[in-house]
Amino acid sequence: MSAAEFSSQTDQQQSAKKVTGTIVDEKGEPIIAASVLVDKTTIGTVTDVNGKFQLNIPSLSATLRITYIGYETQNVLINGRSS
């Protein structure tokens, strides 16, 4: 499982950072209903039928924790990435 795409956008009014991405398996197939959580927070979501997710996060230096039954947990450092 991997985060195939990342993009980010800052919401100027609330200083929230919008992060979007797609979670896919080793064959490039989308993973439906994978959990995507901002590490050490209660912010999270699940991927849709296309493996896509969207989160508003407090900082672009956050780490996303991606989990799905049958796969190893992946920790992905956003590190200010925009793509």
Protein backbone atom coordinates (compact mmCIF):
# COMPACT_ATOMS: atom_id res chain seq x y z
CA MET A 1 0.00 0.00 0.00
CA SER A 2 1.34 3.44 -0.82
CA ALA A 3 0.30 7.04 -1.12
CA ALA A 4 0.43 7.47 -4.87
CA GLU A 5 -0.40 11.15 -5.00
CA PHE A 6 -0.19 14.05 -2.60
CA SER A 7 -1.15 17.64 -2.98
CA SER A 8 -1.68 20.36 -0.45
CA GLN A 9 -3.40 23.71 -0.29
CA THR A 10 -3.59 26.28 2.50
CA ASP A 11 -6.97 27.62 3.57
CA GLN A 12 -6.03 31.24 4.26
CA GLN A 13 -9.01 31.96 6.53
CA GLN A 14 -8.35 29.23 9.08
CA SER A 15 -4.67 28.40 8.48
CA ALA A 16 -5.66 24.79 7.84
CA LYS A 17 -3.72 22.87 5.24
CA LYS A 18 -5.73 20.72 2.85
CA VAL A 19 -4.03 17.45 1.95
CA THR A 20 -5.38 15.08 -0.67
CA GLY A 21 -4.06 11.78 -1.91
CA THR A 22 -4.76 8.35 -3.31
CA ILE A 23 -3.95 5.08 -1.57
CA VAL A 24 -3.15 2.17 -3.86
CA ASP A 25 -1.84 -1.39 -3.47
CA GLU A 26 1.33 -2.82 -5.01
CA LYS A 27 -0.53 -3.37 -8.30
CA GLY A 28 -1.73 0.23 -8.45
CA GLU A 29 -5.32 -0.68 -7.55
CA PRO A 30 -7.13 1.74 -5.23
CA ILE A 31 -7.64 0.67 -1.63
CA ILE A 32 -11.20 1.36 -0.51
CA ALA A 33 -11.87 2.33 3.13
CA ALA A 34 -8.22 2.57 4.23
CA SER A 35 -7.84 4.69 7.38
CA VAL A 36 -5.79 7.85 7.01
CA LEU A 37 -5.00 9.57 10.31
CA VAL A 38 -2.80 12.50 11.23
CA ASP A 39 -0.37 10.97 13.72
CA LYS A 40 -0.81 12.07 17.36
CA THR A 41 -4.19 13.74 16.65
CA THR A 42 -7.82 12.74 16.31
CA ILE A 43 -7.95 14.03 12.71
CA GLY A 44 -8.65 11.32 10.17
CA THR A 45 -10.75 9.94 7.35
CA VAL A 46 -11.19 6.86 5.17
CA THR A 47 -10.51 6.52 1.47
CA ASP A 48 -13.39 6.49 -1.02
CA VAL A 49 -14.15 3.90 -3.73
CA ASN A 50 -11.29 5.34 -5.82
CA GLY A 51 -8.79 5.21 -2.95
CA LYS A 52 -8.86 9.00 -2.61
CA PHE A 53 -8.87 10.99 0.62
CA GLN A 54 -8.89 14.61 1.75
CA LEU A 55 -7.91 16.02 5.14
CA ASN A 56 -7.55 19.46 6.67
CA ILE A 57 -4.45 19.32 8.84
CA PRO A 58 -2.82 21.79 11.24
CA SER A 59 0.69 21.54 9.77
CA LEU A 60 2.40 20.37 6.59
CA SER A 61 5.11 18.84 8.77
CA ALA A 62 2.63 16.22 10.03
CA THR A 63 2.85 12.46 9.53
CA LEU A 64 -0.04 10.49 8.07
CA ARG A 65 -0.67 7.00 9.42
CA ILE A 66 -2.30 4.78 6.79
CA THR A 67 -3.84 1.48 7.88
CA TYR A 68 -5.85 -1.26 6.20
CA ILE A 69 -6.60 -4.84 7.24
CA GLY A 70 -4.06 -7.26 5.78
CA TYR A 71 -1.43 -4.57 5.07
CA GLU A 72 1.40 -3.15 7.14
CA THR A 73 0.76 0.29 8.61
CA GLN A 74 2.46 3.02 6.59
CA ASN A 75 3.67 6.29 8.11
CA VAL A 76 4.09 9.02 5.53
CA LEU A 77 5.77 12.30 6.42
CA ILE A 78 4.08 15.10 4.49
CA ASN A 79 7.08 17.38 4.98
CA GLY A 80 5.54 20.31 3.10
CA ARG A 81 5.07 18.36 -0.14
CA SER A 82 2.68 19.75 -2.70
CA SER A 83 2.86 16.89 -5.20
